[in-house]
Amino acid sequence: MTSDLSGATISRAQLYIKNEHTRWGAGGTAYIFTHENMSVPTSLGASTTNQITQAFAKGQGVWIELPSSHFAGLKSGTIRGYGLYTTGSDNYGYWNKASQIWVKYSK
């Protein structure tokens, strides 16, 4: 993606993730953070850097608006992906691994 975004101006970006299960029937909250990993690490510590919080209904897929503060990292490659975590053992769930990112840009 960095080669496509080279010399571009990003005007909007979104991340799509779909909740598959939450502990509670009403849904839960995803805490989404950026990371710089090139491959799946042995452990992925949660970071509150550039954190996004998104509520989900059980089984819901959502396009999440990414803040403009992420645009430079998406262009340069310092943001290589997004991770999800929870705030405790009572607020757990899992998400479909087929997430998507959409970036609107001009050159």
PDB file of N, CA and C in Angstrom:
ATOM      1  N   MET A   1       0.821  -1.176   0.000  1.00  0.00           N
ATOM      2  CA  MET A   1       0.000   0.000   0.000  1.00  0.00           C
ATOM      3  C   MET A   1       0.877   1.256   0.000  1.00  0.00           C
ATOM      4  N   THR A   2       2.058   1.184   0.597  1.00  0.00           N
ATOM      5  CA  THR A   2       2.895   2.378   0.675  1.00  0.00           C
ATOM      6  C   THR A   2       3.313   2.873  -0.702  1.00  0.00           C
ATOM      7  N   SER A   3       3.555   1.967  -1.648  1.00  0.00           N
ATOM      8  CA  SER A   3       3.938   2.426  -2.990  1.00  0.00           C
ATOM      9  C   SER A   3       2.772   3.129  -3.675  1.00  0.00           C
ATOM     10  N   ASP A   4       1.548   2.641  -3.493  1.00  0.00           N
ATOM     11  CA  ASP A   4       0.371   3.308  -4.063  1.00  0.00           C
ATOM     12  C   ASP A   4       0.156   4.682  -3.446  1.00  0.00           C
ATOM     13  N   LEU A   5       0.488   4.827  -2.164  1.00  0.00           N
ATOM     14  CA  LEU A   5       0.251   6.084  -1.461  1.00  0.00           C
ATOM     15  C   LEU A   5       1.415   7.075  -1.560  1.00  0.00           C
ATOM     16  N   SER A   6       2.527   6.653  -2.171  1.00  0.00           N
ATOM     17  CA  SER A   6       3.674   7.539  -2.312  1.00  0.00           C
ATOM     18  C   SER A   6       3.289   8.776  -3.119  1.00  0.00           C
ATOM     19  N   GLY A   7       3.509   9.947  -2.553  1.00  0.00           N
ATOM     20  CA  GLY A   7       3.183  11.205  -3.216  1.00  0.00           C
ATOM     21  C   GLY A   7       1.706  11.559  -3.196  1.00  0.00           C
ATOM     22  N   ALA A   8       0.910  10.787  -2.496  1.00  0.00           N
ATOM     23  CA  ALA A   8      -0.537  11.013  -2.460  1.00  0.00           C
ATOM     24  C   ALA A   8      -0.938  11.837  -1.244  1.00  0.00           C
ATOM     25  N   THR A   9      -2.124  12.390  -1.329  1.00  0.00           N
ATOM     26  CA  THR A   9      -2.753  13.051  -0.196  1.00  0.00           C
ATOM     27  C   THR A   9      -3.951  12.208   0.212  1.00  0.00           C
ATOM     28  N   ILE A  10      -3.930  11.696   1.422  1.00  0.00           N
ATOM     29  CA  ILE A  10      -5.035  10.878   1.925  1.00  0.00           C
ATOM     30  C   ILE A  10      -6.113  11.815   2.468  1.00  0.00           C
ATOM     31  N   SER A  11      -7.339  11.590   2.032  1.00  0.00           N
ATOM     32  CA  SER A  11      -8.442  12.408   2.531  1.00  0.00           C
ATOM     33  C   SER A  11      -9.365  11.636   3.472  1.00  0.00           C
ATOM     34  N   ARG A  12      -9.288  10.311   3.417  1.00  0.00           N
ATOM     35  CA  ARG A  12     -10.161   9.500   4.262  1.00  0.00           C
ATOM     36  C   ARG A  12      -9.636   8.067   4.288  1.00  0.00           C
ATOM     37  N   ALA A  13      -9.826   7.387   5.416  1.00  0.00           N
ATOM     38  CA  ALA A  13      -9.445   5.978   5.524  1.00  0.00           C
ATOM     39  C   ALA A  13     -10.388   5.297   6.506  1.00  0.00           C
ATOM     40  N   GLN A  14     -10.710   4.045   6.210  1.00  0.00           N
ATOM     41  CA  GLN A  14     -11.596   3.260   7.069  1.00  0.00           C
ATOM     42  C   GLN A  14     -11.059   1.846   7.222  1.00  0.00           C
ATOM     43  N   LEU A  15     -11.383   1.246   8.338  1.00  0.00           N
ATOM     44  CA  LEU A  15     -11.034  -0.138   8.641  1.00  0.00           C
ATOM     45  C   LEU A  15     -12.327  -0.902   8.866  1.00  0.00           C
ATOM     46  N   TYR A  16     -12.468  -2.059   8.211  1.00  0.00           N
ATOM     47  CA  TYR A  16     -13.660  -2.890   8.403  1.00  0.00           C
ATOM     48  C   TYR A  16     -13.281  -4.111   9.219  1.00  0.00           C
ATOM     49  N   ILE A  17     -13.993  -4.316  10.309  1.00  0.00           N
ATOM     50  CA  ILE A  17     -13.855  -5.555  11.073  1.00  0.00           C
ATOM     51  C   ILE A  17     -15.251  -6.057  11.443  1.00  0.00           C
ATOM     52  N   LYS A  18     -15.352  -7.364  11.534  1.00  0.00           N
ATOM     53  CA  LYS A  18     -16.640  -7.988  11.852  1.00  0.00           C
ATOM     54  C   LYS A  18     -16.507  -8.795  13.129  1.00  0.00           C
ATOM     55  N   ASN A  19     -17.368  -8.494  14.065  1.00  0.00           N
ATOM     56  CA  ASN A  19     -17.413  -9.231  15.320  1.00  0.00           C
ATOM     57  C   ASN A  19     -18.046 -10.597  15.063  1.00  0.00           C
ATOM     58  N   GLU A  20     -17.452 -11.633  15.588  1.00  0.00           N
ATOM     59  CA  GLU A  20     -18.006 -12.981  15.460  1.00  0.00           C
ATOM     60  C   GLU A  20     -18.638 -13.466  16.764  1.00  0.00           C
ATOM     61  N   HIS A  21     -18.129 -12.966  17.883  1.00  0.00           N
ATOM     62  CA  HIS A  21     -18.655 -13.433  19.164  1.00  0.00           C
ATOM     63  C   HIS A  21     -18.262 -12.439  20.258  1.00  0.00           C
ATOM     64  N   THR A  22     -19.167 -12.220  21.176  1.00  0.00           N
ATOM     65  CA  THR A  22     -18.851 -11.474  22.399  1.00  0.00           C
ATOM     66  C   THR A  22     -19.388 -12.257  23.584  1.00  0.00           C
ATOM     67  N   ARG A  23     -18.816 -12.026  24.717  1.00  0.00           N
ATOM     68  CA  ARG A  23     -19.272 -12.701  25.930  1.00  0.00           C
ATOM     69  C   ARG A  23     -20.719 -12.342  26.219  1.00  0.00           C
ATOM     70  N   TRP A  24     -21.063 -11.074  26.023  1.00  0.00           N
ATOM     71  CA  TRP A  24     -22.398 -10.604  26.330  1.00  0.00           C
ATOM     72  C   TRP A  24     -23.264 -10.588  25.080  1.00  0.00           C
ATOM     73  N   GLY A  25     -24.512 -10.969  25.203  1.00  0.00           N
ATOM     74  CA  GLY A  25     -25.442 -10.999  24.081  1.00  0.00           C
ATOM     75  C   GLY A  25     -25.651  -9.649  23.430  1.00  0.00           C
ATOM     76  N   ALA A  26     -25.508  -8.589  24.189  1.00  0.00           N
ATOM     77  CA  ALA A  26     -25.706  -7.239  23.659  1.00  0.00           C
ATOM     78  C   ALA A  26     -24.515  -6.753  22.836  1.00  0.00           C
ATOM     79  N   GLY A  27     -23.407  -7.454  22.891  1.00  0.00           N
ATOM     80  CA  GLY A  27     -22.219  -7.031  22.151  1.00  0.00           C
ATOM     81  C   GLY A  27     -21.088  -6.669  23.084  1.00  0.00           C
ATOM     82  N   GLY A  28     -20.191  -5.841  22.582  1.00  0.00           N
ATOM     83  CA  GLY A  28     -19.025  -5.478  23.378  1.00  0.00           C
ATOM     84  C   GLY A  28     -18.284  -4.324  22.739  1.00  0.00           C
ATOM     85  N   THR A  29     -17.108  -4.085  23.240  1.00  0.00           N
ATOM     86  CA  THR A  29     -16.287  -2.984  22.766  1.00  0.00           C
ATOM     87  C   THR A  29     -14.954  -3.510  22.282  1.00  0.00           C
ATOM     88  N   ALA A  30     -14.562  -3.073  21.086  1.00  0.00           N
ATOM     89  CA  ALA A  30     -13.247  -3.401  20.547  1.00  0.00           C
ATOM     90  C   ALA A  30     -12.323  -2.229  20.812  1.00  0.00           C
ATOM     91  N   TYR A  31     -11.135  -2.528  21.302  1.00  0.00           N
ATOM     92  CA  TYR A  31     -10.089  -1.530  21.487  1.00  0.00           C
ATOM     93  C   TYR A  31      -9.041  -1.829  20.420  1.00  0.00           C
ATOM     94  N   ILE A  32      -8.921  -0.927  19.469  1.00  0.00           N
ATOM     95  CA  ILE A  32      -8.117  -1.155  18.274  1.00  0.00           C
ATOM     96  C   ILE A  32      -6.875  -0.274  18.343  1.00  0.00           C
ATOM     97  N   PHE A  33      -5.724  -0.861  18.070  1.00  0.00           N
ATOM     98  CA  PHE A  33      -4.484  -0.107  18.129  1.00  0.00           C
ATOM     99  C   PHE A  33      -3.635  -0.377  16.890  1.00  0.00           C
ATOM    100  N   THR A  34      -2.741   0.540  16.593  1.00  0.00           N
ATOM    101  CA  THR A  34      -1.842   0.375  15.456  1.00  0.00           C
ATOM    102  C   THR A  34      -0.623  -0.430  15.884  1.00  0.00           C
ATOM    103  N   HIS A  35       0.025  -1.065  14.898  1.00  0.00           N
ATOM    104  CA  HIS A  35       1.295  -1.747  15.176  1.00  0.00           C
ATOM    105  C   HIS A  35       2.206  -1.637  13.959  1.00  0.00           C
ATOM    106  N   GLU A  36       3.474  -1.971  14.172  1.00  0.00           N
ATOM    107  CA  GLU A  36       4.494  -1.877  13.123  1.00  0.00           C
ATOM    108  C   GLU A  36       5.072  -3.235  12.745  1.00  0.00           C
ATOM    109  N   ASN A  37       4.419  -4.324  13.103  1.00  0.00           N
ATOM    110  CA  ASN A  37       4.960  -5.661  12.868  1.00  0.00           C
ATOM    111  C   ASN A  37       4.891  -6.056  11.397  1.00  0.00           C
ATOM    112  N   MET A  38       5.974  -6.687  10.902  1.00  0.00           N
ATOM    113  CA  MET A  38       6.024  -7.183   9.524  1.00  0.00           C
ATOM    114  C   MET A  38       5.374  -8.561   9.408  1.00  0.00           C
ATOM    115  N   SER A  39       5.349  -9.315  10.507  1.00  0.00           N
ATOM    116  CA  SER A  39       4.733 -10.638  10.523  1.00  0.00           C
ATOM    117  C   SER A  39       4.099 -10.836  11.898  1.00  0.00           C
ATOM    118  N   VAL A  40       3.385 -11.923  12.057  1.00  0.00           N
ATOM    119  CA  VAL A  40       2.690 -12.185  13.317  1.00  0.00           C
ATOM    120  C   VAL A  40       3.725 -12.415  14.419  1.00  0.00           C
ATOM    121  N   PRO A  41       3.704 -11.590  15.471  1.00  0.00           N
ATOM    122  CA  PRO A  41       4.670 -11.754  16.562  1.00  0.00           C
ATOM    123  C   PRO A  41       4.261 -12.889  17.498  1.00  0.00           C
ATOM    124  N   THR A  42       5.189 -13.327  18.325  1.00  0.00           N
ATOM    125  CA  THR A  42       4.864 -14.374  19.295  1.00  0.00           C
ATOM    126  C   THR A  42       3.913 -13.847  20.354  1.00  0.00           C
ATOM    127  N   SER A  43       3.999 -12.560  20.662  1.00  0.00           N
ATOM    128  CA  SER A  43       3.021 -11.935  21.542  1.00  0.00           C
ATOM    129  C   SER A  43       2.792 -10.518  21.037  1.00  0.00           C
ATOM    130  N   LEU A  44       1.579 -10.075  21.155  1.00  0.00           N
ATOM    131  CA  LEU A  44       1.212  -8.755  20.672  1.00  0.00           C
ATOM    132  C   LEU A  44       0.694  -7.952  21.839  1.00  0.00           C
ATOM    133  N   GLY A  45       1.567  -7.204  22.461  1.00  0.00           N
ATOM    134  CA  GLY A  45       1.172  -6.390  23.595  1.00  0.00           C
ATOM    135  C   GLY A  45       0.255  -5.262  23.157  1.00  0.00           C
ATOM    136  N   ALA A  46      -0.781  -5.036  23.873  1.00  0.00           N
ATOM    137  CA  ALA A  46      -1.719  -3.965  23.551  1.00  0.00           C
ATOM    138  C   ALA A  46      -1.055  -2.616  23.779  1.00  0.00           C
ATOM    139  N   SER A  47      -1.325  -1.711  22.896  1.00  0.00           N
ATOM    140  CA  SER A  47      -0.798  -0.363  23.003  1.00  0.00           C
ATOM    141  C   SER A  47      -1.948   0.625  22.930  1.00  0.00           C
ATOM    142  N   THR A  48      -1.869   1.672  23.706  1.00  0.00           N
ATOM    143  CA  THR A  48      -2.909   2.687  23.626  1.00  0.00           C
ATOM    144  C   THR A  48      -2.509   3.806  22.659  1.00  0.00           C
ATOM    145  N   THR A  49      -1.359   3.663  21.999  1.00  0.00           N
ATOM    146  CA  THR A  49      -0.946   4.631  20.994  1.00  0.00           C
ATOM    147  C   THR A  49      -1.915   4.559  19.817  1.00  0.00           C
ATOM    148  N   ASN A  50      -2.445   5.679  19.419  1.00  0.00           N
ATOM    149  CA  ASN A  50      -3.392   5.747  18.296  1.00  0.00           C
ATOM    150  C   ASN A  50      -4.606   4.846  18.498  1.00  0.00           C
ATOM    151  N   GLN A  51      -5.013   4.606  19.710  1.00  0.00           N
ATOM    152  CA  GLN A  51      -6.131   3.703  20.009  1.00  0.00           C
ATOM    153  C   GLN A  51      -7.459   4.245  19.501  1.00  0.00           C
ATOM    154  N   ILE A  52      -8.277   3.334  19.002  1.00  0.00           N
ATOM    155  CA  ILE A  52      -9.654   3.620  18.586  1.00  0.00           C
ATOM    156  C   ILE A  52     -10.553   2.702  19.399  1.00  0.00           C
ATOM    157  N   THR A  53     -11.634   3.223  19.918  1.00  0.00           N
ATOM    158  CA  THR A  53     -12.603   2.418  20.657  1.00  0.00           C
ATOM    159  C   THR A  53     -13.877   2.340  19.838  1.00  0.00           C
ATOM    160  N   GLN A  54     -14.405   1.115  19.637  1.00  0.00           N
ATOM    161  CA  GLN A  54     -15.599   0.929  18.814  1.00  0.00           C
ATOM    162  C   GLN A  54     -16.530  -0.084  19.472  1.00  0.00           C
ATOM    163  N   ALA A  55     -17.779   0.310  19.673  1.00  0.00           N
ATOM    164  CA  ALA A  55     -18.794  -0.615  20.197  1.00  0.00           C
ATOM    165  C   ALA A  55     -19.329  -1.468  19.055  1.00  0.00           C
ATOM    166  N   PHE A  56     -19.632  -2.731  19.360  1.00  0.00           N
ATOM    167  CA  PHE A  56     -20.164  -3.676  18.396  1.00  0.00           C
ATOM    168  C   PHE A  56     -21.361  -4.409  18.978  1.00  0.00           C
ATOM    169  N   ALA A  57     -22.355  -4.648  18.142  1.00  0.00           N
ATOM    170  CA  ALA A  57     -23.397  -5.609  18.488  1.00  0.00           C
ATOM    171  C   ALA A  57     -22.822  -6.993  18.175  1.00  0.00           C
ATOM    172  N   LYS A  58     -23.317  -7.992  18.831  1.00  0.00           N
ATOM    173  CA  LYS A  58     -22.839  -9.351  18.584  1.00  0.00           C
ATOM    174  C   LYS A  58     -23.061  -9.701  17.112  1.00  0.00           C
ATOM    175  N   GLY A  59     -21.984 -10.099  16.428  1.00  0.00           N
ATOM    176  CA  GLY A  59     -22.063 -10.489  15.021  1.00  0.00           C
ATOM    177  C   GLY A  59     -22.042  -9.336  14.030  1.00  0.00           C
ATOM    178  N   GLN A  60     -21.871  -8.119  14.488  1.00  0.00           N
ATOM    179  CA  GLN A  60     -21.925  -6.943  13.619  1.00  0.00           C
ATOM    180  C   GLN A  60     -20.578  -6.665  12.948  1.00  0.00           C
ATOM    181  N   GLY A  61     -20.636  -6.266  11.667  1.00  0.00           N
ATOM    182  CA  GLY A  61     -19.473  -5.762  10.953  1.00  0.00           C
ATOM    183  C   GLY A  61     -19.579  -4.252  10.858  1.00  0.00           C
ATOM    184  N   VAL A  62     -18.466  -3.555  11.023  1.00  0.00           N
ATOM    185  CA  VAL A  62     -18.482  -2.094  11.055  1.00  0.00           C
ATOM    186  C   VAL A  62     -17.306  -1.528  10.261  1.00  0.00           C
ATOM    187  N   TRP A  63     -17.599  -0.485   9.472  1.00  0.00           N
ATOM    188  CA  TRP A  63     -16.547   0.328   8.867  1.00  0.00           C
ATOM    189  C   TRP A  63     -16.216   1.410   9.887  1.00  0.00           C
ATOM    190  N   ILE A  64     -14.978   1.444  10.342  1.00  0.00           N
ATOM    191  CA  ILE A  64     -14.532   2.369  11.376  1.00  0.00           C
ATOM    192  C   ILE A  64     -13.711   3.469  10.716  1.00  0.00           C
ATOM    193  N   GLU A  65     -14.111   4.701  10.942  1.00  0.00           N
ATOM    194  CA  GLU A  65     -13.389   5.850  10.393  1.00  0.00           C
ATOM    195  C   GLU A  65     -12.042   5.982  11.109  1.00  0.00           C
ATOM    196  N   LEU A  66     -10.968   5.977  10.346  1.00  0.00           N
ATOM    197  CA  LEU A  66      -9.644   6.140  10.930  1.00  0.00           C
ATOM    198  C   LEU A  66      -9.326   7.634  11.040  1.00  0.00           C
ATOM    199  N   PRO A  67      -8.733   8.033  12.143  1.00  0.00           N
ATOM    200  CA  PRO A  67      -8.425   9.457  12.313  1.00  0.00           C
ATOM    201  C   PRO A  67      -7.301   9.898  11.378  1.00  0.00           C
ATOM    202  N   SER A  68      -7.302  11.173  11.040  1.00  0.00           N
ATOM    203  CA  SER A  68      -6.271  11.710  10.144  1.00  0.00           C
ATOM    204  C   SER A  68      -4.868  11.554  10.732  1.00  0.00           C
ATOM    205  N   SER A  69      -4.767  11.403  12.039  1.00  0.00           N
ATOM    206  CA  SER A  69      -3.458  11.179  12.659  1.00  0.00           C
ATOM    207  C   SER A  69      -2.819   9.862  12.208  1.00  0.00           C
ATOM    208  N   HIS A  70      -3.576   8.966  11.590  1.00  0.00           N
ATOM    209  CA  HIS A  70      -3.041   7.700  11.082  1.00  0.00           C
ATOM    210  C   HIS A  70      -2.525   7.823   9.649  1.00  0.00           C
ATOM    211  N   PHE A  71      -2.906   8.868   8.929  1.00  0.00           N
ATOM    212  CA  PHE A  71      -2.614   8.959   7.499  1.00  0.00           C
ATOM    213  C   PHE A  71      -1.123   8.916   7.187  1.00  0.00           C
ATOM    214  N   ALA A  72      -0.323   9.666   7.913  1.00  0.00           N
ATOM    215  CA  ALA A  72       1.126   9.680   7.650  1.00  0.00           C
ATOM    216  C   ALA A  72       1.737   8.298   7.870  1.00  0.00           C
ATOM    217  N   GLY A  73       1.302   7.597   8.910  1.00  0.00           N
ATOM    218  CA  GLY A  73       1.797   6.247   9.178  1.00  0.00           C
ATOM    219  C   GLY A  73       1.381   5.242   8.123  1.00  0.00           C
ATOM    220  N   LEU A  74       0.180   5.395   7.581  1.00  0.00           N
ATOM    221  CA  LEU A  74      -0.256   4.516   6.490  1.00  0.00           C
ATOM    222  C   LEU A  74       0.571   4.773   5.237  1.00  0.00           C
ATOM    223  N   LYS A  75       0.877   6.040   4.969  1.00  0.00           N
ATOM    224  CA  LYS A  75       1.690   6.396   3.800  1.00  0.00           C
ATOM    225  C   LYS A  75       3.127   5.902   3.937  1.00  0.00           C
ATOM    226  N   SER A  76       3.724   6.098   5.100  1.00  0.00           N
ATOM    227  CA  SER A  76       5.138   5.765   5.294  1.00  0.00           C
ATOM    228  C   SER A  76       5.372   4.279   5.579  1.00  0.00           C
ATOM    229  N   GLY A  77       4.345   3.593   6.035  1.00  0.00           N
ATOM    230  CA  GLY A  77       4.500   2.187   6.398  1.00  0.00           C
ATOM    231  C   GLY A  77       4.819   1.979   7.861  1.00  0.00           C
ATOM    232  N   THR A  78       4.863   3.053   8.656  1.00  0.00           N
ATOM    233  CA  THR A  78       5.093   2.852  10.091  1.00  0.00           C
ATOM    234  C   THR A  78       3.863   2.253  10.763  1.00  0.00           C
ATOM    235  N   ILE A  79       2.696   2.440  10.162  1.00  0.00           N
ATOM    236  CA  ILE A  79       1.511   1.674  10.583  1.00  0.00           C
ATOM    237  C   ILE A  79       1.396   0.522   9.597  1.00  0.00           C
ATOM    238  N   ARG A  80       1.683  -0.670  10.071  1.00  0.00           N
ATOM    239  CA  ARG A  80       1.637  -1.861   9.216  1.00  0.00           C
ATOM    240  C   ARG A  80       0.365  -2.672   9.421  1.00  0.00           C
ATOM    241  N   GLY A  81      -0.347  -2.371  10.495  1.00  0.00           N
ATOM    242  CA  GLY A  81      -1.568  -3.109  10.756  1.00  0.00           C
ATOM    243  C   GLY A  81      -2.258  -2.608  12.004  1.00  0.00           C
ATOM    244  N   TYR A  82      -3.354  -3.287  12.306  1.00  0.00           N
ATOM    245  CA  TYR A  82      -4.166  -2.950  13.478  1.00  0.00           C
ATOM    246  C   TYR A  82      -4.377  -4.209  14.300  1.00  0.00           C
ATOM    247  N   GLY A  83      -4.381  -4.052  15.594  1.00  0.00           N
ATOM    248  CA  GLY A  83      -4.638  -5.152  16.502  1.00  0.00           C
ATOM    249  C   GLY A  83      -5.823  -4.817  17.378  1.00  0.00           C
ATOM    250  N   LEU A  84      -6.394  -5.846  17.998  1.00  0.00           N
ATOM    251  CA  LEU A  84      -7.535  -5.669  18.893  1.00  0.00           C
ATOM    252  C   LEU A  84      -7.205  -6.257  20.245  1.00  0.00           C
ATOM    253  N   TYR A  85      -7.732  -5.631  21.268  1.00  0.00           N
ATOM    254  CA  TYR A  85      -7.571  -6.177  22.608  1.00  0.00           C
ATOM    255  C   TYR A  85      -8.787  -5.826  23.451  1.00  0.00           C
ATOM    256  N   THR A  86      -8.820  -6.353  24.635  1.00  0.00           N
ATOM    257  CA  THR A  86      -9.915  -6.106  25.559  1.00  0.00           C
ATOM    258  C   THR A  86      -9.367  -5.468  26.829  1.00  0.00           C
ATOM    259  N   THR A  87     -10.261  -4.962  27.644  1.00  0.00           N
ATOM    260  CA  THR A  87      -9.833  -4.306  28.875  1.00  0.00           C
ATOM    261  C   THR A  87      -9.933  -5.211  30.088  1.00  0.00           C
ATOM    262  N   GLY A  88     -10.301  -6.456  29.905  1.00  0.00           N
ATOM    263  CA  GLY A  88     -10.386  -7.354  31.046  1.00  0.00           C
ATOM    264  C   GLY A  88     -11.000  -8.683  30.662  1.00  0.00           C
ATOM    265  N   SER A  89     -10.977  -9.620  31.561  1.00  0.00           N
ATOM    266  CA  SER A  89     -11.453 -10.971  31.273  1.00  0.00           C
ATOM    267  C   SER A  89     -12.964 -11.044  31.093  1.00  0.00           C
ATOM    268  N   ASP A  90     -13.688 -10.014  31.484  1.00  0.00           N
ATOM    269  CA  ASP A  90     -15.141 -10.033  31.377  1.00  0.00           C
ATOM    270  C   ASP A  90     -15.646  -9.407  30.075  1.00  0.00           C
ATOM    271  N   ASN A  91     -14.768  -8.787  29.314  1.00  0.00           N
ATOM    272  CA  ASN A  91     -15.155  -8.082  28.097  1.00  0.00           C
ATOM    273  C   ASN A  91     -14.411  -8.688  26.908  1.00  0.00           C
ATOM    274  N   TYR A  92     -14.697  -9.950  26.588  1.00  0.00           N
ATOM    275  CA  TYR A  92     -13.952 -10.593  25.527  1.00  0.00           C
ATOM    276  C   TYR A  92     -14.842 -10.883  24.322  1.00  0.00           C
ATOM    277  N   GLY A  93     -14.189 -11.135  23.225  1.00  0.00           N
ATOM    278  CA  GLY A  93     -14.871 -11.488  21.992  1.00  0.00           C
ATOM    279  C   GLY A  93     -13.834 -11.852  20.953  1.00  0.00           C
ATOM    280  N   TYR A  94     -14.299 -12.219  19.779  1.00  0.00           N
ATOM    281  CA  TYR A  94     -13.358 -12.429  18.686  1.00  0.00           C
ATOM    282  C   TYR A  94     -13.965 -11.926  17.399  1.00  0.00           C
ATOM    283  N   TRP A  95     -13.074 -11.593  16.490  1.00  0.00           N
ATOM    284  CA  TRP A  95     -13.445 -10.939  15.245  1.00  0.00           C
ATOM    285  C   TRP A  95     -12.988 -11.758  14.071  1.00  0.00           C
ATOM    286  N   ASN A  96     -13.694 -11.617  12.963  1.00  0.00           N
ATOM    287  CA  ASN A  96     -13.348 -12.298  11.725  1.00  0.00           C
ATOM    288  C   ASN A  96     -11.978 -11.828  11.258  1.00  0.00           C
ATOM    289  N   LYS A  97     -11.133 -12.756  10.828  1.00  0.00           N
ATOM    290  CA  LYS A  97      -9.775 -12.372  10.427  1.00  0.00           C
ATOM    291  C   LYS A  97      -9.728 -11.693   9.060  1.00  0.00           C
ATOM    292  N   ALA A  98     -10.818 -11.692   8.315  1.00  0.00           N
ATOM    293  CA  ALA A  98     -10.848 -11.073   6.982  1.00  0.00           C
ATOM    294  C   ALA A  98     -11.222  -9.590   7.081  1.00  0.00           C
ATOM    295  N   SER A  99     -10.361  -8.819   7.711  1.00  0.00           N
ATOM    296  CA  SER A  99     -10.612  -7.386   7.813  1.00  0.00           C
ATOM    297  C   SER A  99     -10.183  -6.697   6.518  1.00  0.00           C
ATOM    298  N   GLN A 100     -10.605  -5.459   6.347  1.00  0.00           N
ATOM    299  CA  GLN A 100     -10.272  -4.701   5.148  1.00  0.00           C
ATOM    300  C   GLN A 100      -9.905  -3.288   5.536  1.00  0.00           C
ATOM    301  N   ILE A 101      -9.075  -2.659   4.712  1.00  0.00           N
ATOM    302  CA  ILE A 101      -8.794  -1.246   4.890  1.00  0.00           C
ATOM    303  C   ILE A 101      -9.108  -0.551   3.571  1.00  0.00           C
ATOM    304  N   TRP A 102      -9.705   0.616   3.675  1.00  0.00           N
ATOM    305  CA  TRP A 102     -10.086   1.420   2.507  1.00  0.00           C
ATOM    306  C   TRP A 102      -9.473   2.802   2.678  1.00  0.00           C
ATOM    307  N   VAL A 103      -8.777   3.274   1.643  1.00  0.00           N
ATOM    308  CA  VAL A 103      -8.117   4.565   1.715  1.00  0.00           C
ATOM    309  C   VAL A 103      -8.525   5.380   0.489  1.00  0.00           C
ATOM    310  N   LYS A 104      -9.015   6.582   0.722  1.00  0.00           N
ATOM    311  CA  LYS A 104      -9.339   7.515  -0.350  1.00  0.00           C
ATOM    312  C   LYS A 104      -8.199   8.523  -0.434  1.00  0.00           C
ATOM    313  N   TYR A 105      -7.606   8.635  -1.623  1.00  0.00           N
ATOM    314  CA  TYR A 105      -6.466   9.519  -1.781  1.00  0.00           C
ATOM    315  C   TYR A 105      -6.465  10.150  -3.173  1.00  0.00           C
ATOM    316  N   SER A 106      -5.657  11.190  -3.334  1.00  0.00           N
ATOM    317  CA  SER A 106      -5.492  11.828  -4.642  1.00  0.00           C
ATOM    318  C   SER A 106      -3.997  12.084  -4.853  1.00  0.00           C
ATOM    319  N   LYS A 107      -3.632  12.135  -6.112  1.00  0.00           N
ATOM    320  CA  LYS A 107      -2.228  12.437  -6.475  1.00  0.00           C
ATOM    321  C   LYS A 107      -2.207  13.624  -7.399  1.00  0.00           C
TER     322      LYS A 107
END
